[in-house]
Structures are given as structure tokens and as C-alpha cells.
Amino acid sequence: MTIDTSKVDALINAPEKCTVNSSLESLVELISYLSSCGFEQLIDIFGIDYLEREKRIEVVYLLLNLKRNRRCCVKVSVDPASEKVPTCCGVFSVANWFEREVYDMYGVVFEGHPDLRRILTDYGFEGFPMLKDFPLTGYKEVRYDLESKEVVYEKVDLSQDYRSFDSLTPWKGIGHPSGAFDGKKE
């Protein structure tokens, strides 16, 4: 089996690890090729959110060659609002769980996935919690109500009536080389 090298960009970081940047179109072909080259174990699939990029989510596949103790990292960039990543469940069955996790946390849709649904959050959960623009407190609070004996969803209310953020820092003298945190108001 061979692969069209114009579709991938590889970087050998160290003798035991390589990094390959792939296009969406050649991802499954590349993963299959690496599997046939001895990378018989898919260790993990995870996402990284680069908020400033046009294709803000980078989906990373970690593969392991047990015989040679070598690792290969395959990266593909995607805009989850308009693009879908082809599933690798046909090559590695464990990709099923990993892809569901990336979908649940980042909103990346895996085309052709046999059972793409949330795996870590509640089915009624709104948004994707690992995105950098997701609010730290979330949108709804989920709690168990002892009186009604059921799970209750309530809108998050963050009232901070007695807090004032218009003050100088008390950390004068502990500075940053840029002078950004020296207590001066702009």
C-alpha cells in the first residue's frame, strides 16, 4: 500500500515520534496506511481549540507501533461549523468512543460514525464545553431537587452585587517586563 505524498505534510520530531498534517480528504487513507505500516494501536483522539484560526479545531490522532515503540501523531484542522471529519471507526474500532468524546466536547461531527451522540455530558446539554469561547459557568445549572425528587435545570445567575473590579492591583512592585501589571490605569 502506498499513499500520495502530496496530500500529507510530515515532520520527524525525534527517532521515536513523527507528526503528520493531513487533509480531511486523505485522513482515512492515511490512518489506514499507517495501520498497515505497523501502527496497530490508536491511543487517543482529541481536539485542540485554536480560537484565532479560521479552522479553529485541530483533531489529533495518536498512533502506536508496539513492536518498534514508535508513535505517530496525525493532525487535521477543521471548522466545526461547516466541515465534517470522516470517521476512522472502520480502521480502528476504538475510534468510536474517542470520536464521540471529541464531538461532545468540541462539536466536531464525524461523518459516517455509527453512533455519534454525546458521551460525557447530559443529552440536553447546550454547547460544547471545551471551546475557548464557552462560558466557565455554563448556561444552565443542573441539580437534584429533594422536594420534587427530580433533576432540575435552572439558568445560571451570577450576581456579584458587592464586587467592584475598578481598582488598582495590590501587587505593586511585582512586575512583568512589559509593565502591564504594575498597577497603572490606562
C-alpha atoms as a PDB file:
ATOM      1  CA  MET A   1       0.000   0.000   0.000  1.00  0.00           C
ATOM      2  CA  THR A   2       1.294   3.461  -0.891  1.00  0.00           C
ATOM      3  CA  ILE A   3      -0.001   6.942  -0.222  1.00  0.00           C
ATOM      4  CA  ASP A   4       0.051  10.098  -2.318  1.00  0.00           C
ATOM      5  CA  THR A   5       2.678  12.237  -0.553  1.00  0.00           C
ATOM      6  CA  SER A   6       1.221  15.465  -1.938  1.00  0.00           C
ATOM      7  CA  LYS A   7      -1.727  15.020   0.455  1.00  0.00           C
ATOM      8  CA  VAL A   8       0.312  14.959   3.658  1.00  0.00           C
ATOM      9  CA  ASP A   9       2.958  17.043   5.361  1.00  0.00           C
ATOM     10  CA  ALA A  10       5.253  15.089   7.704  1.00  0.00           C
ATOM     11  CA  LEU A  11       7.726  16.166  10.344  1.00  0.00           C
ATOM     12  CA  ILE A  12      10.043  13.779  12.170  1.00  0.00           C
ATOM     13  CA  ASN A  13      10.478  15.290  15.647  1.00  0.00           C
ATOM     14  CA  ALA A  14      12.552  12.528  17.178  1.00  0.00           C
ATOM     15  CA  PRO A  15      13.592   8.996  16.207  1.00  0.00           C
ATOM     16  CA  GLU A  16      10.583   7.541  18.019  1.00  0.00           C
ATOM     17  CA  LYS A  17       7.895  10.073  17.019  1.00  0.00           C
ATOM     18  CA  CYS A  18       6.608  11.659  13.830  1.00  0.00           C
ATOM     19  CA  THR A  19       3.929  14.277  13.226  1.00  0.00           C
ATOM     20  CA  VAL A  20       1.831  14.253  10.061  1.00  0.00           C
ATOM     21  CA  ASN A  21      -0.534  17.027   8.994  1.00  0.00           C
ATOM     22  CA  SER A  22      -3.336  15.632   6.853  1.00  0.00           C
ATOM     23  CA  SER A  23      -6.186  16.987   4.784  1.00  0.00           C
ATOM     24  CA  LEU A  24      -9.750  15.921   5.563  1.00  0.00           C
ATOM     25  CA  GLU A  25      -9.979  14.092   2.237  1.00  0.00           C
ATOM     26  CA  SER A  26      -6.940  11.862   2.837  1.00  0.00           C
ATOM     27  CA  LEU A  27      -7.352  11.272   6.597  1.00  0.00           C
ATOM     28  CA  VAL A  28      -8.860   7.760   6.491  1.00  0.00           C
ATOM     29  CA  GLU A  29      -6.443   6.698   3.741  1.00  0.00           C
ATOM     30  CA  LEU A  30      -3.502   7.963   5.820  1.00  0.00           C
ATOM     31  CA  ILE A  31      -4.701   6.271   9.033  1.00  0.00           C
ATOM     32  CA  SER A  32      -5.191   3.006   7.077  1.00  0.00           C
ATOM     33  CA  TYR A  33      -1.714   3.320   5.580  1.00  0.00           C
ATOM     34  CA  LEU A  34      -0.110   3.898   8.982  1.00  0.00           C
ATOM     35  CA  SER A  35      -2.047   0.931  10.374  1.00  0.00           C
ATOM     36  CA  SER A  36      -0.598  -1.277   7.624  1.00  0.00           C
ATOM     37  CA  CYS A  37       2.897   0.055   8.453  1.00  0.00           C
ATOM     38  CA  GLY A  38       2.759  -1.329  11.987  1.00  0.00           C
ATOM     39  CA  PHE A  39       0.953   1.431  13.863  1.00  0.00           C
ATOM     40  CA  GLU A  40      -1.616  -1.075  15.057  1.00  0.00           C
ATOM     41  CA  GLN A  41      -2.895   0.798  18.121  1.00  0.00           C
ATOM     42  CA  LEU A  42      -4.893   4.020  18.239  1.00  0.00           C
ATOM     43  CA  ILE A  43      -4.002   5.504  21.631  1.00  0.00           C
ATOM     44  CA  ASP A  44      -6.258   8.559  21.574  1.00  0.00           C
ATOM     45  CA  ILE A  45      -8.134  11.122  19.526  1.00  0.00           C
ATOM     46  CA  PHE A  46      -8.513  14.585  20.994  1.00  0.00           C
ATOM     47  CA  GLY A  47      -9.233  18.136  19.962  1.00  0.00           C
ATOM     48  CA  ILE A  48      -7.416  21.426  20.436  1.00  0.00           C
ATOM     49  CA  ASP A  49      -9.245  24.742  20.081  1.00  0.00           C
ATOM     50  CA  TYR A  50      -7.241  27.480  18.349  1.00  0.00           C
ATOM     51  CA  LEU A  51      -9.759  30.313  18.610  1.00  0.00           C
ATOM     52  CA  GLU A  52      -7.778  32.667  16.361  1.00  0.00           C
ATOM     53  CA  ARG A  53      -7.612  30.266  13.381  1.00  0.00           C
ATOM     54  CA  GLU A  54     -10.161  30.050  10.580  1.00  0.00           C
ATOM     55  CA  LYS A  55     -10.232  26.269  11.037  1.00  0.00           C
ATOM     56  CA  ARG A  56     -10.254  26.558  14.804  1.00  0.00           C
ATOM     57  CA  ILE A  57     -10.319  22.893  15.870  1.00  0.00           C
ATOM     58  CA  GLU A  58      -7.352  20.607  15.363  1.00  0.00           C
ATOM     59  CA  VAL A  59      -8.250  16.928  15.715  1.00  0.00           C
ATOM     60  CA  VAL A  60      -5.212  14.889  16.754  1.00  0.00           C
ATOM     61  CA  TYR A  61      -4.833  11.106  16.341  1.00  0.00           C
ATOM     62  CA  LEU A  62      -2.122   9.336  18.359  1.00  0.00           C
ATOM     63  CA  LEU A  63      -0.953   6.007  16.935  1.00  0.00           C
ATOM     64  CA  LEU A  64       1.485   3.497  18.435  1.00  0.00           C
ATOM     65  CA  ASN A  65       3.743   0.889  16.866  1.00  0.00           C
ATOM     66  CA  LEU A  66       4.226  -1.625  19.689  1.00  0.00           C
ATOM     67  CA  LYS A  67       6.993  -3.645  18.010  1.00  0.00           C
ATOM     68  CA  ARG A  68       9.267  -0.660  17.426  1.00  0.00           C
ATOM     69  CA  ASN A  69       8.000   1.557  20.272  1.00  0.00           C
ATOM     70  CA  ARG A  70       7.278   4.388  17.836  1.00  0.00           C
ATOM     71  CA  ARG A  71       4.495   6.945  17.945  1.00  0.00           C
ATOM     72  CA  CYS A  72       2.861   8.877  15.152  1.00  0.00           C
ATOM     73  CA  CYS A  73       0.727  11.962  15.608  1.00  0.00           C
ATOM     74  CA  VAL A  74      -1.733  12.747  12.792  1.00  0.00           C
ATOM     75  CA  LYS A  75      -3.302  16.214  12.812  1.00  0.00           C
ATOM     76  CA  VAL A  76      -6.204  17.566  10.797  1.00  0.00           C
ATOM     77  CA  SER A  77      -7.687  21.068  11.064  1.00  0.00           C
ATOM     78  CA  VAL A  78     -11.429  21.595  10.786  1.00  0.00           C
ATOM     79  CA  ASP A  79     -14.051  24.318  11.047  1.00  0.00           C
ATOM     80  CA  PRO A  80     -16.807  22.518  13.002  1.00  0.00           C
ATOM     81  CA  ALA A  81     -19.442  24.968  11.777  1.00  0.00           C
ATOM     82  CA  SER A  82     -19.030  23.954   8.129  1.00  0.00           C
ATOM     83  CA  GLU A  83     -16.860  20.820   7.843  1.00  0.00           C
ATOM     84  CA  LYS A  84     -17.131  17.178   8.875  1.00  0.00           C
ATOM     85  CA  VAL A  85     -14.263  14.824   9.651  1.00  0.00           C
ATOM     86  CA  PRO A  86     -14.515  11.332   8.120  1.00  0.00           C
ATOM     87  CA  THR A  87     -14.750   8.622  10.768  1.00  0.00           C
ATOM     88  CA  CYS A  88     -11.879   6.199  11.353  1.00  0.00           C
ATOM     89  CA  CYS A  89     -14.107   3.575  13.015  1.00  0.00           C
ATOM     90  CA  GLY A  90     -13.589   1.276  10.026  1.00  0.00           C
ATOM     91  CA  VAL A  91      -9.832   1.213  10.656  1.00  0.00           C
ATOM     92  CA  PHE A  92      -9.781   1.246  14.472  1.00  0.00           C
ATOM     93  CA  SER A  93     -12.975   0.269  16.296  1.00  0.00           C
ATOM     94  CA  VAL A  94     -11.849   2.146  19.420  1.00  0.00           C
ATOM     95  CA  ALA A  95     -12.194   5.368  17.411  1.00  0.00           C
ATOM     96  CA  ASN A  96     -15.931   5.079  18.125  1.00  0.00           C
ATOM     97  CA  TRP A  97     -15.516   6.237  21.738  1.00  0.00           C
ATOM     98  CA  PHE A  98     -12.785   8.780  21.028  1.00  0.00           C
ATOM     99  CA  GLU A  99     -14.755  10.439  18.219  1.00  0.00           C
ATOM    100  CA  ARG A 100     -17.848  10.647  20.416  1.00  0.00           C
ATOM    101  CA  GLU A 101     -15.796  12.418  23.079  1.00  0.00           C
ATOM    102  CA  VAL A 102     -14.401  14.953  20.573  1.00  0.00           C
ATOM    103  CA  TYR A 103     -17.929  15.531  19.264  1.00  0.00           C
ATOM    104  CA  ASP A 104     -19.285  16.044  22.784  1.00  0.00           C
ATOM    105  CA  MET A 105     -16.537  18.416  23.931  1.00  0.00           C
ATOM    106  CA  TYR A 106     -15.768  20.368  20.720  1.00  0.00           C
ATOM    107  CA  GLY A 107     -18.747  19.909  18.385  1.00  0.00           C
ATOM    108  CA  VAL A 108     -16.766  18.206  15.610  1.00  0.00           C
ATOM    109  CA  VAL A 109     -19.072  15.999  13.530  1.00  0.00           C
ATOM    110  CA  PHE A 110     -17.576  12.707  12.298  1.00  0.00           C
ATOM    111  CA  GLU A 111     -19.178  11.742   9.005  1.00  0.00           C
ATOM    112  CA  GLY A 112     -20.122   8.072   8.757  1.00  0.00           C
ATOM    113  CA  HIS A 113     -19.857   7.447  12.501  1.00  0.00           C
ATOM    114  CA  PRO A 114     -22.144   4.554  13.542  1.00  0.00           C
ATOM    115  CA  ASP A 115     -23.414   6.149  16.795  1.00  0.00           C
ATOM    116  CA  LEU A 116     -22.460   9.824  17.082  1.00  0.00           C
ATOM    117  CA  ARG A 117     -24.094  11.144  20.255  1.00  0.00           C
ATOM    118  CA  ARG A 118     -22.985  12.751  23.495  1.00  0.00           C
ATOM    119  CA  ILE A 119     -20.898  10.566  25.789  1.00  0.00           C
ATOM    120  CA  LEU A 120     -19.782  12.772  28.716  1.00  0.00           C
ATOM    121  CA  THR A 121     -22.421  15.489  29.037  1.00  0.00           C
ATOM    122  CA  ASP A 122     -26.179  15.302  29.504  1.00  0.00           C
ATOM    123  CA  TYR A 123     -28.310  14.812  26.376  1.00  0.00           C
ATOM    124  CA  GLY A 124     -29.950  18.213  26.865  1.00  0.00           C
ATOM    125  CA  PHE A 125     -26.604  19.964  27.291  1.00  0.00           C
ATOM    126  CA  GLU A 126     -26.231  23.158  25.258  1.00  0.00           C
ATOM    127  CA  GLY A 127     -22.918  23.974  23.613  1.00  0.00           C
ATOM    128  CA  PHE A 128     -19.510  22.357  23.709  1.00  0.00           C
ATOM    129  CA  PRO A 129     -17.615  22.868  26.979  1.00  0.00           C
ATOM    130  CA  MET A 130     -14.008  22.623  25.741  1.00  0.00           C
ATOM    131  CA  LEU A 131     -14.354  25.507  23.282  1.00  0.00           C
ATOM    132  CA  LYS A 132     -12.469  28.569  24.468  1.00  0.00           C
ATOM    133  CA  ASP A 133     -15.497  30.814  23.995  1.00  0.00           C
ATOM    134  CA  PHE A 134     -17.741  28.609  26.159  1.00  0.00           C
ATOM    135  CA  PRO A 135     -18.583  30.376  29.463  1.00  0.00           C
ATOM    136  CA  LEU A 136     -16.822  28.932  32.506  1.00  0.00           C
ATOM    137  CA  THR A 137     -20.092  28.586  34.399  1.00  0.00           C
ATOM    138  CA  GLY A 138     -22.015  27.095  31.505  1.00  0.00           C
ATOM    139  CA  TYR A 139     -25.526  28.135  30.532  1.00  0.00           C
ATOM    140  CA  LYS A 140     -27.611  26.043  32.919  1.00  0.00           C
ATOM    141  CA  GLU A 141     -27.180  24.642  36.405  1.00  0.00           C
ATOM    142  CA  VAL A 142     -28.197  21.024  36.860  1.00  0.00           C
ATOM    143  CA  ARG A 143     -29.121  19.849  40.341  1.00  0.00           C
ATOM    144  CA  TYR A 144     -31.273  17.281  42.087  1.00  0.00           C
ATOM    145  CA  ASP A 145     -34.277  18.788  43.888  1.00  0.00           C
ATOM    146  CA  LEU A 146     -35.074  16.854  47.079  1.00  0.00           C
ATOM    147  CA  GLU A 147     -38.653  18.160  47.304  1.00  0.00           C
ATOM    148  CA  SER A 148     -39.748  17.235  43.801  1.00  0.00           C
ATOM    149  CA  LYS A 149     -37.349  14.259  43.646  1.00  0.00           C
ATOM    150  CA  GLU A 150     -36.154  15.038  40.134  1.00  0.00           C
ATOM    151  CA  VAL A 151     -33.282  16.644  38.273  1.00  0.00           C
ATOM    152  CA  VAL A 152     -33.889  20.370  37.760  1.00  0.00           C
ATOM    153  CA  TYR A 153     -32.336  22.651  35.137  1.00  0.00           C
ATOM    154  CA  GLU A 154     -32.005  26.324  36.051  1.00  0.00           C
ATOM    155  CA  LYS A 155     -30.477  29.274  34.222  1.00  0.00           C
ATOM    156  CA  VAL A 156     -27.128  30.263  35.728  1.00  0.00           C
ATOM    157  CA  ASP A 157     -27.382  33.533  37.659  1.00  0.00           C
ATOM    158  CA  LEU A 158     -24.088  35.139  38.559  1.00  0.00           C
ATOM    159  CA  SER A 159     -24.968  38.170  40.626  1.00  0.00           C
ATOM    160  CA  GLN A 160     -21.913  39.896  42.004  1.00  0.00           C
ATOM    161  CA  ASP A 161     -23.532  42.876  43.711  1.00  0.00           C
ATOM    162  CA  TYR A 162     -20.727  43.696  46.131  1.00  0.00           C
ATOM    163  CA  ARG A 163     -17.766  43.241  43.838  1.00  0.00           C
ATOM    164  CA  SER A 164     -16.002  46.154  42.231  1.00  0.00           C
ATOM    165  CA  PHE A 165     -13.447  45.482  39.536  1.00  0.00           C
ATOM    166  CA  ASP A 166     -12.444  49.131  39.040  1.00  0.00           C
ATOM    167  CA  SER A 167      -9.380  49.186  41.277  1.00  0.00           C
ATOM    168  CA  LEU A 168      -5.639  49.118  41.059  1.00  0.00           C
ATOM    169  CA  THR A 169      -3.799  45.888  41.656  1.00  0.00           C
ATOM    170  CA  PRO A 170      -2.446  45.348  45.175  1.00  0.00           C
ATOM    171  CA  TRP A 171       0.603  43.645  43.683  1.00  0.00           C
ATOM    172  CA  LYS A 172       2.758  46.724  43.137  1.00  0.00           C
ATOM    173  CA  GLY A 173       6.410  46.033  42.635  1.00  0.00           C
ATOM    174  CA  ILE A 174       5.811  42.522  41.351  1.00  0.00           C
ATOM    175  CA  GLY A 175       6.078  43.395  37.734  1.00  0.00           C
ATOM    176  CA  HIS A 176       6.014  41.961  34.313  1.00  0.00           C
ATOM    177  CA  PRO A 177       8.832  43.010  31.941  1.00  0.00           C
ATOM    178  CA  SER A 178       6.256  44.825  29.798  1.00  0.00           C
ATOM    179  CA  GLY A 179       4.987  46.822  32.786  1.00  0.00           C
ATOM    180  CA  ALA A 180       1.470  45.587  32.076  1.00  0.00           C
ATOM    181  CA  PHE A 181       0.753  44.607  35.670  1.00  0.00           C
ATOM    182  CA  ASP A 182       2.392  47.413  37.634  1.00  0.00           C
ATOM    183  CA  GLY A 183      -0.836  48.980  38.907  1.00  0.00           C
ATOM    184  CA  LYS A 184      -1.117  51.843  36.429  1.00  0.00           C
ATOM    185  CA  LYS A 185      -4.528  52.587  34.990  1.00  0.00           C
ATOM    186  CA  GLU A 186      -4.774  53.206  31.275  1.00  0.00           C
END
